[in-house]
Amino acid sequence: MPLKSKAKAGAAKSKAKAEAKKASAKASQEKPLEPVSPAAGSGMAAVRQARLDDAAAEQEGDVSSTAAPAAADSVAKTPEADAADKAAPAQSKDEEKPDSKEVAAMATKKETESQEAEEKDAGHATKPDGDTVVEKVDLDEISDPWDDVADDAALHKIKSEDWEIIQVDSEEPVAPCCLIAKDADLSVFRPTMNHREQLVSADFAGNTFHDISCVGGPMWLRFLGLGMNPLVSLNGLAEAFPRLLVLDVSFVELSSIEGAWAAIAACPRLRRIIAEGASITSFEDMVELPKLQTLELQDNALEDLEELDMLAKKCKGLEELDLRENDIFSEPGYKKAIDRLFPKLTSLDGQSRKKYVAKGRAEAYGDVKSMGGDVAAVDGMFKNESCSCLEGNPCLDPSTCKDWKNREKVAAEARKKKGLRDDSGKMLG
């Protein structure tokens, strides 16, 4: 073999040996080494080594069991699945947290349930739309404390306040009475059965009633005071108080309450309305009130005399009218319009309009010589004057004189009876 060929063959063998050596070294590195006991022949050492081997095996098992699921997840999950997993907690969190609309709905529902519970305690029924209605009480099963009192007599009792008075926190009433609950911070009045059986009058001025359902009807009230309450409705007034005679809604914004006059006119026995400072500007919306006798509308916003024509058509039975502190009161022609439109008026703006009808001497005084004792005052301009003839001075106004035609004679007889003399000592006659 030539020298050059031998050299190439030797180089190839050397390269093959070198590669075989590298492969052997690599295999030896990858093969795990067997643990070698430090003293294989010693029994105690063998036990210790066994314990160490068990502990190592147990620790290795725990690590592998923990790592296996994670490894499996990392292998199995795709990028889309990983993104879905990251979004899942946020989605769950959004589902747990309600949006603002749901929060508002929940708050409204809670408030409604609370209001319904309060109204249930108050004895009121509730409509599906949330509006309260008058409690379902059959008044035919409840005795009327003034059942035997005629309406005219009842009006006189109301004017003279002929009743007992109780407060909200008083003991249960046992006789016909008037409840005084002014400025009592009431939003709802809850009457007891005794209240229903004994109350004939109730004054709730200055509370926070918003409609008739807050007043506690039905009851046999003849007088109801709702002044200075933030009322938004008077619907149901007639059903709650079917025998109401007098209603006071002073300083209630009647002009802003829809259907206010219709609700008032529905009361079949109403005789008197007090509505001072109620922002009334016109009678256009007033419903006919044929039985109304007294209308007190001081301090409103009535301006035009034409309003009187409208009022006269709707309140034909009016006997007492008070329009003081309205601009119409100072309008030229006001008194003439009143005389023309309301011929039956007995009182206007706080003053009596009763015409004097002279009585005969005997009818008025009997025997003048035997006059003595007190004489009751008659109805005068302001209902507080008396006939001065009885004191020895002839009357100057026929509306206060009991015998205008014979006033000089009556006064002379009165002076003699009293023994009055002039400066000279002469008996006055």
Foldseek 3Di string as FASTA:
>chain_A
DDPVVVVVVVVVVVVVVVVVVVVVVVVVVPDDDDDDQPCVVDPVSVVVVVVVVVVVVVVVVVVCVVVVVVVVCVVPDDPVNVVVVVCVVVVVVCVVDDDPVVVVVVVVVVVLVVVCVVVVVLQWDADPVGDTDAHDDDCVVAAALVPVPDPVNVVVCVVVVVAAEDELPGPQDDAAHEYECELVQAQADRDDSSCQRHYQYYAHAHYAHAEPNRDHFQHQHQEYHHENYAYQEDPCVCVRHQNHAEYEHENYQQVNHPCSQVSVLVNLRHAEYHYENNQDAACPPHAARARHAYYEYEQYAHADLVRLVVVLVRHVNYAEYAHHNYNLVPDPCSVVSCCVRHVNHQYYNQFGPDDADADDPCVQQNPLLPDDDDDDWDQHGNGPDAQCLLVLDFDPDRRRHRHNVCSNVSSQSNQVVVQHADPVRHRGD
